[in-house]
Amino acid sequence: MKYEELAEAYEILENSSKRLKKTWIISNLLKKTSDKDLEKVIILLQGKVFPSHDKREIGVASKLVLKAIATATGYSAKQIEDLWKKKGDLGLVTEHLMKSKKQNTLFNEELTVKDVFETLQKLSTLEGQGSVDQKVKLISKLLSIAEPLEARYVIRTTLQDLRVGVAEGTLRDAIAWAYLDEANPNYDDSSDSINPKDREKYVEIMLKVQEALDKSNDFGVVAQASRKGLNELAKIKLVVGNPLKVMLAQKVNSVEDAFKTVGKPAALEFKYDGFRMQVHKNENDVVIYTRRLEEVTKQFPEVKNYILKNVKAERCILDCEAAGYDSKTGSYTPFQHISQRIKRKYDIEKIAKDLPIELNVFDILVYNDKILLNTKFSERRKILEQIIKQEPKKIVLSKLLLTDDDKKAKAFFEESIKQGNEGLMFKNLDGIYKPGSRVGFMIKLKSAMDDLDVVIVGAEWGEGKRSGWFTSFTVACQSEDGFLELGKVGTGLKEKSEEGASFEELTNLLKPFIIEEKGREVRVKPEIVVSLQFEEIQKSPSYSSGYALRFPRFVGIREDRSSEDIVSKEEVEELFYNQRKK
């Protein structure tokens, strides 16, 4: 496929705010995409060059891209930077400069999807001496072949800042519209509406596509199967070793509300202040993933040992919470005490001894050759009780109470809080497991207003003794239209790293994700998730979400979570209205 076709689709998507129209545009693009280009196009539509479960990064910062643009256009870095400050988008800057570039092209060929995809993938492999020059050469070669519009999106994809607003749900529906005749929506562009011939059948098909995505966590795999029909789609299975999104919990403010949502009786479990671990066991092979699907097997060698020793199953996928504890007192410690283990590459054994964890197992998704996603929670729990040999401070089952009594539930809640936990989980006994969903089968109740997980989308350089650090951070929630700002925060960070999360640490984490600079202010790719506490939520016209956090304060950096895990605008609105009821 010519990259020009994809670039033209990008431009239409960028100029449309209507979700159904975006879906229609993508479905038409997919219909004319060849088998050999399909997976590439699917990934590129997400603004990536690697599938979601592949954690490789392009690894290119804006300063390197500036050099490549200068090489390809003949303009100086200063000229490019000045124009960047005016337009606020290096993609648009490149498009503008390519229309009047000073360099004569050495290439006379058309850019293809394969050219862009494979070249940008190659960037991630270049390391060491001379790698910067090699990366500049590869990017500038792409630009030398590209037409101005193509150049806009080559640069944006390189910086992983596509700006065309393709949400996962949009891409999912577009795949169904493109390949599954039964899901023909009869889209009407004039009214931006759909009218399927058989709406019940339409909904059924969409659920099947979502189920396939839940199992594979790969849009490319689902697109290839959908192209061959429903029978092929049904063959997609959950595979031990391939991570999938975890089921998420809705929030409530009282025991009464929790029971109202999940029903009575319910399973109540301690909610630990740790981080999610998805553990895959295939005979003697054990692989561990975080909630954001990063593999951390090497960082937690003791967990692998616990699984091999204490889990009686040839193959299984376990959903767990790793809770840190004090090796001297045995009491649980907050998540931030053990979070540094996630990224640790050296001195693994020492940090495992200094910051031990207890693996609390609370669900099972695969047991030997049986997939348990559609199995009742009560039956999944029985399987866990049969196959887990509990060993305190190593591997245990989450503490559980079956009850329909409000008073017993409240007493259990208080017991959990006293032990240093966050609160309780309430679970529907007949509930199935829905990866990546908040469907009401699982509810969380905490002792106070929940810490809010948000993503950093901007920052501001400090002054004086803090001039080398970012000291103010713009945070955002998520919505179908992208990330919406919730305010700025700087309180709660420390001067020195040994005291906790610091300005320097957060600055170093954000630097690789800078995509725009204007004076002291920068815009960053939404990658770094942080937890905040706040006094209340206020309505505010100053931020794109329409809300602002009053007196926000850093709690910590959530390295186990991705931007897909942060609070949604709908949840912010719900918190806003609920706080008025108190």
Protein backbone atom coordinates (compact mmCIF):
# COMPACT_ATOMS: atom_id res chain seq x y z
CA MET A 1 0.00 0.00 0.00
CA LYS A 2 1.20 3.52 -0.78
CA TYR A 3 1.80 5.50 2.40
CA GLU A 4 -0.03 8.35 0.67
CA GLU A 5 -3.33 6.43 1.05
CA LEU A 6 -2.79 6.06 4.78
CA ALA A 7 -1.72 9.70 5.15
CA GLU A 8 -4.86 10.89 3.36
CA ALA A 9 -6.99 8.77 5.71
CA TYR A 10 -5.09 10.24 8.69
CA GLU A 11 -5.90 13.76 7.53
CA ILE A 12 -9.63 13.01 7.21
CA LEU A 13 -9.61 11.38 10.64
CA GLU A 14 -7.78 14.35 12.14
CA ASN A 15 -10.38 16.76 10.79
CA SER A 16 -13.35 14.73 12.02
CA SER A 17 -14.65 14.70 15.59
CA LYS A 18 -17.42 12.18 14.90
CA ARG A 19 -16.67 8.67 16.14
CA LEU A 20 -18.96 6.89 13.66
CA LYS A 21 -17.44 8.77 10.73
CA LYS A 22 -13.95 7.84 11.92
CA THR A 23 -15.06 4.21 12.10
CA TRP A 24 -16.42 4.39 8.54
CA ILE A 25 -13.20 5.97 7.20
CA ILE A 26 -11.03 3.29 8.80
CA SER A 27 -13.29 0.44 7.66
CA ASN A 28 -13.02 1.63 4.05
CA LEU A 29 -9.25 1.87 4.38
CA LEU A 30 -9.06 -1.67 5.77
CA LYS A 31 -11.19 -3.06 2.94
CA LYS A 32 -8.56 -2.06 0.40
CA THR A 33 -5.56 -3.07 2.53
CA SER A 34 -3.74 -6.21 1.37
CA ASP A 35 -3.08 -9.16 3.66
CA LYS A 36 0.66 -8.39 3.75
CA ASP A 37 0.05 -4.79 4.86
CA LEU A 38 -2.93 -5.32 7.15
CA GLU A 39 -1.10 -5.78 10.45
CA LYS A 40 1.20 -2.82 9.65
CA VAL A 41 -1.76 -0.54 8.89
CA ILE A 42 -3.61 -1.67 12.03
CA ILE A 43 -0.60 -0.84 14.20
CA LEU A 44 0.12 2.46 12.43
CA LEU A 45 -3.50 3.56 12.93
CA GLN A 46 -2.81 3.34 16.66
CA GLY A 47 0.16 5.70 16.25
CA LYS A 48 2.60 2.87 16.98
CA VAL A 49 5.02 0.62 15.12
CA PHE A 50 4.87 -2.24 17.61
CA PRO A 51 1.74 -4.08 18.84
CA SER A 52 0.52 -3.26 22.34
CA HIS A 53 1.99 -6.37 23.94
CA ASP A 54 5.44 -5.59 22.46
CA LYS A 55 7.16 -3.14 24.79
CA ARG A 56 9.90 -2.06 22.38
CA GLU A 57 10.05 1.70 21.82
CA ILE A 58 11.16 3.75 18.82
CA GLY A 59 13.31 5.68 21.28
CA VAL A 60 13.59 8.97 19.39
CA ALA A 61 13.35 12.37 21.09
CA SER A 62 12.29 15.64 19.45
CA LYS A 63 15.85 17.02 19.32
CA LEU A 64 16.99 14.10 17.18
CA VAL A 65 13.95 14.58 14.93
CA LEU A 66 14.91 18.25 14.51
CA LYS A 67 18.28 17.14 13.11
CA ALA A 68 16.58 14.78 10.68
CA ILE A 69 14.21 17.52 9.46
CA ALA A 70 17.16 19.88 9.00
CA THR A 71 19.02 17.24 6.98
CA ALA A 72 16.02 16.53 4.76
CA THR A 73 14.93 20.14 4.16
CA GLY A 74 18.13 22.17 4.30
CA TYR A 75 16.72 24.53 6.93
CA SER A 76 18.69 25.20 10.10
CA ALA A 77 17.72 23.71 13.46
CA LYS A 78 17.03 27.25 14.72
CA GLN A 79 14.69 28.02 11.82
CA ILE A 80 12.84 24.76 12.45
CA GLU A 81 12.66 25.37 16.18
CA ASP A 82 11.31 28.91 15.70
CA LEU A 83 8.57 27.61 13.41
CA TRP A 84 7.85 24.82 15.89
CA LYS A 85 7.21 27.41 18.61
CA LYS A 86 4.66 29.11 16.34
CA LYS A 87 2.84 26.00 15.10
CA GLY A 88 3.24 23.81 18.19
CA ASP A 89 3.50 20.63 16.09
CA LEU A 90 6.65 19.29 14.45
CA GLY A 91 4.51 17.33 12.00
CA LEU A 92 2.93 20.49 10.63
CA VAL A 93 6.33 22.21 10.64
CA THR A 94 7.83 19.42 8.54
CA GLU A 95 4.91 19.48 6.11
CA HIS A 96 5.33 23.24 5.67
CA LEU A 97 9.09 23.03 5.13
CA MET A 98 8.84 20.11 2.71
CA LYS A 99 6.77 22.32 0.39
CA SER A 100 9.73 24.65 -0.01
CA LYS A 101 12.69 22.49 0.95
CA LYS A 102 16.17 23.71 0.07
CA GLN A 103 17.67 20.24 -0.34
CA ASN A 104 17.26 18.49 -3.67
CA THR A 105 15.90 14.98 -3.26
CA LEU A 106 18.25 12.13 -4.11
CA PHE A 107 15.38 9.70 -4.36
CA ASN A 108 12.67 9.37 -6.97
CA GLU A 109 10.31 6.78 -5.56
CA GLU A 110 6.98 6.49 -3.80
CA LEU A 111 6.80 5.92 -0.07
CA THR A 112 5.03 2.74 1.04
CA VAL A 113 3.50 1.65 4.32
CA LYS A 114 6.19 -1.03 4.48
CA ASP A 115 8.96 1.60 4.11
CA VAL A 116 7.67 3.67 7.01
CA PHE A 117 6.80 0.75 9.28
CA GLU A 118 10.07 -1.17 8.89
CA THR A 119 12.27 1.93 9.01
CA LEU A 120 10.71 3.18 12.23
CA GLN A 121 10.92 -0.29 13.76
CA LYS A 122 14.61 -0.37 12.89
CA LEU A 123 15.18 2.78 14.96
CA SER A 124 14.58 0.78 18.15
CA THR A 125 17.48 -1.55 17.34
CA LEU A 126 20.14 1.15 17.00
CA GLU A 127 22.25 1.68 20.09
CA GLY A 128 25.75 2.74 21.06
CA GLN A 129 28.33 4.83 19.26
CA GLY A 130 27.13 6.32 16.01
CA SER A 131 23.50 5.36 16.60
CA VAL A 132 22.29 8.98 16.67
CA ASP A 133 23.71 9.64 13.20
CA GLN A 134 22.21 6.40 11.91
CA LYS A 135 18.77 7.34 13.25
CA VAL A 136 18.97 10.82 11.73
CA LYS A 137 19.94 9.28 8.39
CA LEU A 138 17.02 6.82 8.41
CA ILE A 139 14.40 9.44 9.31
CA SER A 140 15.76 12.00 6.83
CA LYS A 141 15.69 9.38 4.06
CA LEU A 142 12.00 8.77 4.71
CA LEU A 143 11.37 12.51 4.59
CA SER A 144 13.34 12.85 1.36
CA ILE A 145 10.97 10.37 -0.31
CA ALA A 146 7.82 11.69 1.36
CA GLU A 147 5.34 14.19 -0.02
CA PRO A 148 4.56 17.08 2.40
CA LEU A 149 1.37 15.47 3.81
CA GLU A 150 3.16 12.14 4.26
CA ALA A 151 6.00 13.93 6.06
CA ARG A 152 3.53 15.33 8.62
CA TYR A 153 2.54 11.84 9.73
CA VAL A 154 5.99 10.27 9.41
CA ILE A 155 7.22 12.76 12.00
CA ARG A 156 4.20 12.39 14.26
CA THR A 157 4.49 8.58 14.17
CA THR A 158 8.20 8.81 14.92
CA LEU A 159 7.36 10.92 17.99
CA GLN A 160 4.37 8.64 18.76
CA ASP A 161 2.04 11.64 18.76
CA LEU A 162 -0.29 10.90 15.81
CA ARG A 163 -3.14 13.27 16.83
CA VAL A 164 -5.88 11.66 14.71
CA GLY A 165 -8.07 10.42 17.58
CA VAL A 166 -8.44 6.70 16.90
CA ALA A 167 -9.73 5.08 20.09
CA GLU A 168 -9.59 1.32 20.63
CA GLY A 169 -13.37 1.02 20.34
CA THR A 170 -13.30 2.84 17.00
CA LEU A 171 -10.66 0.51 15.59
CA ARG A 172 -12.51 -2.55 16.91
CA ASP A 173 -15.77 -1.51 15.24
CA ALA A 174 -13.99 -0.59 12.00
CA ILE A 175 -12.56 -4.11 11.76
CA ALA A 176 -16.05 -5.58 12.11
CA TRP A 177 -17.56 -3.14 9.59
CA ALA A 178 -14.81 -3.88 7.07
CA TYR A 179 -14.80 -7.66 7.12
CA LEU A 180 -17.92 -9.10 8.73
CA ASP A 181 -20.94 -8.75 6.44
CA GLU A 182 -23.28 -9.54 9.33
CA ALA A 183 -22.05 -6.34 11.01
CA ASN A 184 -22.92 -4.05 8.09
CA PRO A 185 -24.00 -0.86 9.91
CA ASN A 186 -25.59 0.91 6.91
CA TYR A 187 -23.75 4.09 7.85
CA ASP A 188 -25.35 7.38 6.76
CA ASP A 189 -22.74 10.12 6.41
CA SER A 190 -25.30 12.95 6.18
CA SER A 191 -26.79 12.16 9.60
CA ASP A 192 -23.70 10.39 11.03
CA SER A 193 -25.83 7.45 12.12
CA ILE A 194 -26.05 3.71 11.60
CA ASN A 195 -29.04 1.50 10.95
CA PRO A 196 -28.07 -2.20 10.91
CA LYS A 197 -30.56 -4.55 9.28
CA ASP A 198 -30.53 -6.76 12.36
CA ARG A 199 -29.47 -4.73 15.40
CA GLU A 200 -29.47 -7.74 17.73
CA LYS A 201 -27.17 -9.61 15.34
CA TYR A 202 -25.01 -6.51 15.01
CA VAL A 203 -24.50 -6.31 18.78
CA GLU A 204 -23.74 -10.03 18.91
CA ILE A 205 -21.01 -9.67 16.27
CA MET A 206 -19.43 -6.72 18.07
CA LEU A 207 -19.31 -8.75 21.27
CA LYS A 208 -17.55 -11.58 19.41
CA VAL A 209 -14.93 -9.19 18.06
CA GLN A 210 -14.41 -7.76 21.55
CA GLU A 211 -14.12 -11.25 23.00
CA ALA A 212 -11.43 -12.09 20.44
CA LEU A 213 -9.57 -8.90 21.41
CA ASP A 214 -9.88 -9.80 25.09
CA LYS A 215 -8.24 -13.15 24.42
CA SER A 216 -5.48 -12.07 22.04
CA ASN A 217 -4.82 -8.45 23.07
CA ASP A 218 -3.80 -7.94 19.43
CA PHE A 219 -5.80 -5.91 16.88
CA GLY A 220 -3.71 -7.31 14.02
CA VAL A 221 -4.56 -10.91 14.88
CA VAL A 222 -8.25 -10.03 15.20
CA ALA A 223 -8.27 -8.15 11.88
CA GLN A 224 -6.64 -11.06 10.02
CA ALA A 225 -9.13 -13.52 11.52
CA SER A 226 -12.14 -11.25 10.87
CA ARG A 227 -11.15 -10.98 7.21
CA LYS A 228 -11.61 -14.75 6.99
CA GLY A 229 -14.98 -14.71 8.77
CA LEU A 230 -16.67 -15.46 12.08
CA ASN A 231 -15.52 -19.07 12.17
CA GLU A 232 -11.88 -17.98 12.05
CA LEU A 233 -12.53 -15.30 14.66
CA ALA A 234 -13.97 -17.95 16.99
CA LYS A 235 -10.69 -19.91 16.77
CA ILE A 236 -8.77 -17.21 18.65
CA LYS A 237 -7.91 -18.62 22.05
CA LEU A 238 -6.41 -17.38 25.25
CA VAL A 239 -2.79 -18.51 25.20
CA VAL A 240 -0.67 -19.05 28.31
CA GLY A 241 2.32 -16.72 27.96
CA ASN A 242 0.43 -14.04 26.02
CA PRO A 243 -0.70 -11.28 28.43
CA LEU A 244 -4.24 -9.98 28.43
CA LYS A 245 -5.82 -6.94 30.02
CA VAL A 246 -6.98 -7.43 33.58
CA MET A 247 -10.57 -6.96 34.70
CA LEU A 248 -11.10 -3.60 36.41
CA ALA A 249 -13.27 -2.61 39.34
CA GLN A 250 -15.88 0.10 39.64
CA LYS A 251 -15.76 2.34 42.71
CA VAL A 252 -18.42 2.81 45.38
CA ASN A 253 -18.62 4.82 48.57
CA SER A 254 -20.39 2.43 50.93
CA VAL A 255 -21.02 -1.21 51.78
CA GLU A 256 -24.67 -0.72 50.87
CA ASP A 257 -23.77 0.54 47.38
CA ALA A 258 -21.35 -2.35 46.89
CA PHE A 259 -23.98 -4.99 47.68
CA LYS A 260 -26.50 -3.15 45.52
CA THR A 261 -24.14 -3.49 42.55
CA VAL A 262 -22.83 -7.06 42.93
CA GLY A 263 -25.81 -8.60 44.73
CA LYS A 264 -26.15 -10.70 47.89
CA PRO A 265 -24.47 -12.83 49.02
CA ALA A 266 -21.11 -11.67 47.70
CA ALA A 267 -17.45 -12.55 48.03
CA LEU A 268 -15.53 -9.88 49.96
CA GLU A 269 -11.74 -9.76 49.74
CA PHE A 270 -9.06 -7.58 51.25
CA LYS A 271 -7.94 -4.85 48.84
CA TYR A 272 -4.17 -4.79 49.18
CA ASP A 273 -2.02 -1.70 48.61
CA GLY A 274 0.26 -3.44 46.14
CA PHE A 275 0.48 -3.85 42.40
CA ARG A 276 -1.26 -6.21 40.03
CA MET A 277 0.64 -9.27 38.79
CA GLN A 278 -0.57 -11.52 36.01
CA VAL A 279 1.34 -14.79 36.30
CA HIS A 280 1.55 -17.30 33.44
CA LYS A 281 2.75 -20.85 34.20
CA ASN A 282 3.47 -23.34 31.42
CA GLU A 283 4.99 -26.43 33.07
CA ASN A 284 8.39 -25.17 34.35
CA ASP A 285 8.21 -21.84 32.55
CA VAL A 286 6.82 -18.86 34.49
CA VAL A 287 6.28 -15.37 33.06
CA ILE A 288 5.12 -12.39 35.14
CA TYR A 289 3.40 -9.28 33.76
CA THR A 290 2.35 -6.02 35.42
CA ARG A 291 -1.05 -4.42 34.98
CA ARG A 292 0.35 -2.49 32.00
CA LEU A 293 1.49 -5.83 30.51
CA GLU A 294 5.21 -5.27 31.00
CA GLU A 295 7.17 -8.43 31.67
CA VAL A 296 8.90 -8.33 35.07
CA THR A 297 9.87 -12.00 35.52
CA LYS A 298 13.55 -11.23 36.12
CA GLN A 299 12.72 -8.57 38.72
CA PHE A 300 10.75 -11.04 40.85
CA PRO A 301 12.67 -14.35 40.92
CA GLU A 302 11.06 -15.35 44.23
CA VAL A 303 7.59 -15.22 42.64
CA LYS A 304 8.68 -17.68 39.99
CA ASN A 305 9.90 -20.00 42.75
CA TYR A 306 6.62 -19.69 44.68
CA ILE A 307 4.61 -20.57 41.57
CA LEU A 308 6.71 -23.61 40.68
CA LYS A 309 6.67 -24.86 44.25
CA ASN A 310 3.16 -24.00 45.42
CA VAL A 311 0.87 -24.13 42.37
CA LYS A 312 -0.39 -27.56 41.30
CA ALA A 313 -1.12 -26.97 37.63
CA GLU A 314 0.73 -27.72 34.43
CA ARG A 315 -0.58 -24.55 32.86
CA CYS A 316 -2.43 -21.61 34.36
CA ILE A 317 -2.89 -17.86 34.30
CA LEU A 318 -3.28 -16.31 37.75
CA ASP A 319 -4.46 -12.82 38.66
CA CYS A 320 -2.68 -11.61 41.79
CA GLU A 321 -1.69 -8.64 43.92
CA ALA A 322 1.91 -8.32 45.07
CA ALA A 323 1.86 -6.68 48.50
CA GLY A 324 5.03 -5.41 50.11
CA TYR A 325 5.77 -6.00 53.78
CA ASP A 326 8.35 -5.01 56.37
CA SER A 327 10.81 -7.89 56.78
CA LYS A 328 11.25 -7.07 60.48
CA THR A 329 7.68 -6.49 61.62
CA GLY A 330 5.79 -8.43 58.94
CA SER A 331 3.30 -5.55 58.53
CA TYR A 332 2.18 -4.51 55.04
CA THR A 333 3.80 -1.44 53.49
CA PRO A 334 2.41 1.03 50.90
CA PHE A 335 2.85 0.38 47.21
CA GLN A 336 5.49 3.10 46.85
CA HIS A 337 7.91 1.12 49.02
CA ILE A 338 8.10 -1.72 46.50
CA SER A 339 7.37 0.11 43.23
CA GLN A 340 11.08 0.60 42.55
CA ARG A 341 11.42 -3.15 42.05
CA ILE A 342 9.44 -2.98 38.78
CA LYS A 343 12.20 -1.18 36.84
CA ARG A 344 15.20 -2.65 38.67
CA LYS A 345 17.75 -4.39 36.42
CA TYR A 346 20.63 -4.87 38.86
CA ASP A 347 21.10 -6.18 42.42
CA ILE A 348 17.84 -8.12 42.08
CA GLU A 349 18.50 -10.51 44.95
CA LYS A 350 19.46 -7.72 47.34
CA ILE A 351 16.37 -5.62 46.64
CA ALA A 352 14.17 -8.74 46.88
CA LYS A 353 15.55 -9.25 50.39
CA ASP A 354 15.24 -5.58 51.35
CA LEU A 355 11.76 -5.14 49.82
CA PRO A 356 10.00 -8.51 50.07
CA ILE A 357 6.54 -9.17 48.69
CA GLU A 358 3.71 -11.56 49.44
CA LEU A 359 1.80 -12.81 46.40
CA ASN A 360 -1.94 -12.69 47.07
CA VAL A 361 -3.73 -14.82 44.46
CA PHE A 362 -7.37 -13.86 43.85
CA ASP A 363 -8.36 -15.21 40.44
CA ILE A 364 -7.53 -17.79 37.78
CA LEU A 365 -8.21 -17.39 34.05
CA VAL A 366 -6.77 -20.63 32.67
CA TYR A 367 -6.39 -23.99 34.41
CA ASN A 368 -4.50 -26.60 32.40
CA ASP A 369 -6.45 -26.82 29.11
CA LYS A 370 -9.58 -25.07 30.34
CA ILE A 371 -10.23 -21.36 29.72
CA LEU A 372 -12.18 -19.96 32.67
CA LEU A 373 -13.21 -16.48 31.48
CA ASN A 374 -16.88 -17.50 31.32
CA THR A 375 -16.76 -19.61 34.48
CA LYS A 376 -18.50 -18.29 37.62
CA PHE A 377 -16.23 -16.58 40.15
CA SER A 378 -17.32 -19.01 42.90
CA GLU A 379 -16.06 -21.93 40.78
CA ARG A 380 -12.83 -20.15 39.87
CA ARG A 381 -12.18 -19.57 43.58
CA LYS A 382 -12.72 -23.28 44.34
CA ILE A 383 -10.08 -24.16 41.76
CA LEU A 384 -7.63 -21.77 43.44
CA GLU A 385 -8.31 -23.36 46.82
CA GLN A 386 -7.52 -26.76 45.35
CA ILE A 387 -4.28 -25.91 43.54
CA ILE A 388 -2.59 -23.24 45.73
CA LYS A 389 -0.48 -24.44 48.64
CA GLN A 390 -0.47 -21.37 50.87
CA GLU A 391 2.71 -20.19 52.55
CA PRO A 392 2.37 -16.93 54.56
CA LYS A 393 4.60 -14.06 53.41
CA LYS A 394 5.28 -15.94 50.19
CA ILE A 395 2.11 -17.00 48.39
CA VAL A 396 -1.42 -16.99 49.80
CA LEU A 397 -5.00 -16.71 48.64
CA SER A 398 -6.59 -13.32 49.12
CA LYS A 399 -8.45 -13.23 52.43
CA LEU A 400 -12.13 -13.81 51.67
CA LEU A 401 -15.50 -13.56 53.40
CA LEU A 402 -18.78 -14.82 51.94
CA THR A 403 -21.65 -12.80 53.39
CA ASP A 404 -24.90 -10.98 52.77
CA ASP A 405 -24.73 -9.09 56.07
CA ASP A 406 -23.93 -5.36 56.06
CA LYS A 407 -22.58 -5.41 59.63
CA LYS A 408 -20.21 -8.32 58.93
CA ALA A 409 -19.06 -6.59 55.76
CA LYS A 410 -18.30 -3.37 57.67
CA ALA A 411 -16.40 -5.29 60.34
CA PHE A 412 -14.38 -7.07 57.63
CA PHE A 413 -13.67 -3.68 56.06
CA GLU A 414 -12.32 -2.33 59.37
CA GLU A 415 -10.16 -5.45 59.80
CA SER A 416 -8.64 -4.88 56.36
CA ILE A 417 -7.88 -1.22 57.11
CA LYS A 418 -6.24 -2.09 60.45
CA GLN A 419 -3.91 -4.48 58.66
CA GLY A 420 -2.66 -1.68 56.39
CA ASN A 421 -4.78 -2.46 53.37
CA GLU A 422 -6.79 -0.03 51.24
CA GLY A 423 -10.23 -1.52 51.84
CA LEU A 424 -12.33 -4.29 50.29
CA MET A 425 -13.23 -5.83 46.95
CA PHE A 426 -16.83 -7.02 46.49
CA LYS A 427 -17.41 -9.74 43.88
CA ASN A 428 -20.50 -11.22 42.26
CA LEU A 429 -20.40 -14.97 42.95
CA ASP A 430 -21.75 -15.73 39.46
CA GLY A 431 -19.63 -13.08 37.74
CA ILE A 432 -17.49 -13.99 34.74
CA TYR A 433 -14.07 -12.49 34.01
CA LYS A 434 -14.15 -9.60 31.52
CA PRO A 435 -10.61 -8.47 30.57
CA GLY A 436 -10.15 -4.71 30.48
CA SER A 437 -13.73 -3.99 31.57
CA ARG A 438 -15.51 -2.37 34.49
CA VAL A 439 -18.76 -4.33 34.24
CA GLY A 440 -20.00 -4.42 37.81
CA PHE A 441 -18.91 -7.97 38.67
CA MET A 442 -16.18 -6.51 40.87
CA ILE A 443 -16.41 -3.41 43.09
CA LYS A 444 -13.84 -1.63 45.25
CA LEU A 445 -14.52 0.19 48.50
CA LYS A 446 -11.75 2.25 50.09
CA SER A 447 -11.45 4.10 53.38
CA ALA A 448 -11.40 7.59 51.92
CA MET A 449 -11.74 9.32 48.58
CA ASP A 450 -9.67 7.20 46.23
CA ASP A 451 -6.25 8.36 45.13
CA LEU A 452 -6.68 9.46 41.54
CA ASP A 453 -4.49 7.88 38.86
CA VAL A 454 -3.82 10.48 36.15
CA VAL A 455 -1.30 10.88 33.34
CA ILE A 456 1.16 13.74 32.89
CA VAL A 457 0.68 15.57 29.57
CA GLY A 458 2.79 18.67 30.20
CA ALA A 459 5.34 20.24 32.52
CA GLU A 460 7.18 23.46 33.24
CA TRP A 461 10.87 23.96 33.93
CA GLY A 462 11.67 25.33 37.37
CA GLU A 463 13.72 28.39 38.22
CA GLY A 464 16.57 29.13 40.62
CA LYS A 465 17.88 26.07 42.41
CA ARG A 466 15.27 23.96 40.62
CA SER A 467 16.15 25.21 37.14
CA GLY A 468 17.27 21.77 35.94
CA TRP A 469 14.01 20.09 36.91
CA PHE A 470 10.37 20.17 35.98
CA THR A 471 8.51 21.58 38.97
CA SER A 472 4.93 21.93 37.74
CA PHE A 473 3.07 19.15 35.95
CA THR A 474 -0.14 19.24 33.90
CA VAL A 475 -2.21 16.11 34.48
CA ALA A 476 -5.13 14.65 32.56
CA CYS A 477 -7.93 12.08 32.63
CA GLN A 478 -8.97 9.98 29.64
CA SER A 479 -11.99 10.09 27.34
CA GLU A 480 -13.01 8.73 23.96
CA ASP A 481 -11.67 11.94 22.44
CA GLY A 482 -8.23 11.60 24.04
CA PHE A 483 -6.72 13.04 27.20
CA LEU A 484 -8.40 15.97 28.94
CA GLU A 485 -6.59 18.25 31.37
CA LEU A 486 -7.50 18.28 35.07
CA GLY A 487 -5.04 20.84 36.38
CA LYS A 488 -1.44 21.38 37.47
CA VAL A 489 0.40 19.85 40.42
CA GLY A 490 3.81 20.26 42.02
CA THR A 491 3.16 19.70 45.72
CA GLY A 492 4.25 16.44 47.32
CA LEU A 493 7.46 15.82 45.39
CA LYS A 494 10.76 15.77 47.27
CA GLU A 495 14.02 17.63 46.71
CA LYS A 496 16.09 14.47 47.20
CA SER A 497 15.41 11.06 45.66
CA GLU A 498 16.13 9.19 48.88
CA GLU A 499 13.15 10.94 50.49
CA GLY A 500 10.66 9.57 47.96
CA ALA A 501 9.43 10.54 44.51
CA SER A 502 11.47 13.62 43.56
CA PHE A 503 11.47 16.43 41.00
CA GLU A 504 14.66 15.00 39.52
CA GLU A 505 13.25 11.47 39.19
CA LEU A 506 10.06 12.64 37.50
CA THR A 507 12.03 14.99 35.21
CA ASN A 508 14.26 12.13 34.06
CA LEU A 509 11.23 9.92 33.42
CA LEU A 510 9.54 12.60 31.32
CA LYS A 511 12.47 13.83 29.23
CA PRO A 512 12.34 11.00 26.66
CA PHE A 513 8.66 11.78 26.04
CA ILE A 514 8.95 15.51 25.25
CA ILE A 515 7.13 16.26 22.00
CA GLU A 516 6.92 20.06 22.12
CA GLU A 517 8.72 22.92 23.88
CA LYS A 518 7.60 26.54 24.20
CA GLY A 519 9.81 28.59 26.49
CA ARG A 520 9.70 26.98 29.92
CA GLU A 521 6.64 24.86 29.07
CA VAL A 522 6.78 21.42 27.44
CA ARG A 523 4.18 19.00 26.18
CA VAL A 524 4.90 15.33 26.74
CA LYS A 525 3.59 12.05 25.41
CA PRO A 526 1.02 10.69 27.92
CA GLU A 527 3.12 7.84 29.32
CA ILE A 528 3.91 8.58 32.98
CA VAL A 529 1.05 7.77 35.36
CA VAL A 530 0.98 9.26 38.86
CA SER A 531 -1.38 9.00 41.83
CA LEU A 532 -2.72 12.19 43.40
CA GLN A 533 -4.65 13.11 46.48
CA PHE A 534 -6.82 16.22 46.45
CA GLU A 535 -9.24 18.16 48.61
CA GLU A 536 -12.13 18.21 46.14
CA ILE A 537 -13.07 18.42 42.47
CA GLN A 538 -14.29 21.74 41.10
CA LYS A 539 -15.85 22.75 37.80
CA SER A 540 -13.38 24.76 35.76
CA PRO A 541 -13.44 26.36 32.30
CA SER A 542 -9.63 26.56 32.37
CA TYR A 543 -9.06 22.88 31.63
CA SER A 544 -10.32 20.75 28.73
CA SER A 545 -12.06 18.24 31.02
CA GLY A 546 -14.24 21.02 32.47
CA TYR A 547 -12.99 20.10 35.95
CA ALA A 548 -10.03 20.88 38.19
CA LEU A 549 -8.53 19.18 41.23
CA ARG A 550 -8.38 21.50 44.25
CA PHE A 551 -5.09 21.33 46.19
CA PRO A 552 -3.73 18.23 44.38
CA ARG A 553 -0.73 16.50 45.92
CA PHE A 554 1.57 13.77 44.60
CA VAL A 555 1.23 10.38 46.25
CA GLY A 556 3.56 8.51 43.95
CA ILE A 557 4.57 7.38 40.48
CA ARG A 558 2.58 4.35 39.23
CA GLU A 559 5.11 2.50 37.10
CA ASP A 560 2.81 -0.52 37.04
CA ARG A 561 0.07 1.37 35.18
CA SER A 562 -0.36 2.74 31.67
CA SER A 563 -2.33 5.69 30.36
CA GLU A 564 -5.18 3.26 29.60
CA ASP A 565 -5.57 2.63 33.35
CA ILE A 566 -6.11 6.23 34.45
CA VAL A 567 -9.34 7.78 35.65
CA SER A 568 -11.92 8.59 32.98
CA LYS A 569 -13.81 11.86 32.58
CA GLU A 570 -17.02 9.99 33.50
CA GLU A 571 -15.44 8.85 36.77
CA VAL A 572 -14.29 12.41 37.51
CA GLU A 573 -17.84 13.64 36.96
CA GLU A 574 -19.20 10.91 39.23
CA LEU A 575 -16.72 11.86 41.97
CA PHE A 576 -17.71 15.50 41.56
CA TYR A 577 -21.43 14.82 42.07
CA ASN A 578 -20.90 12.24 44.84
CA GLN A 579 -18.78 14.65 46.92
CA ARG A 580 -21.77 17.03 46.91
CA LYS A 581 -23.91 14.35 48.53
CA LYS A 582 -21.65 13.97 51.55
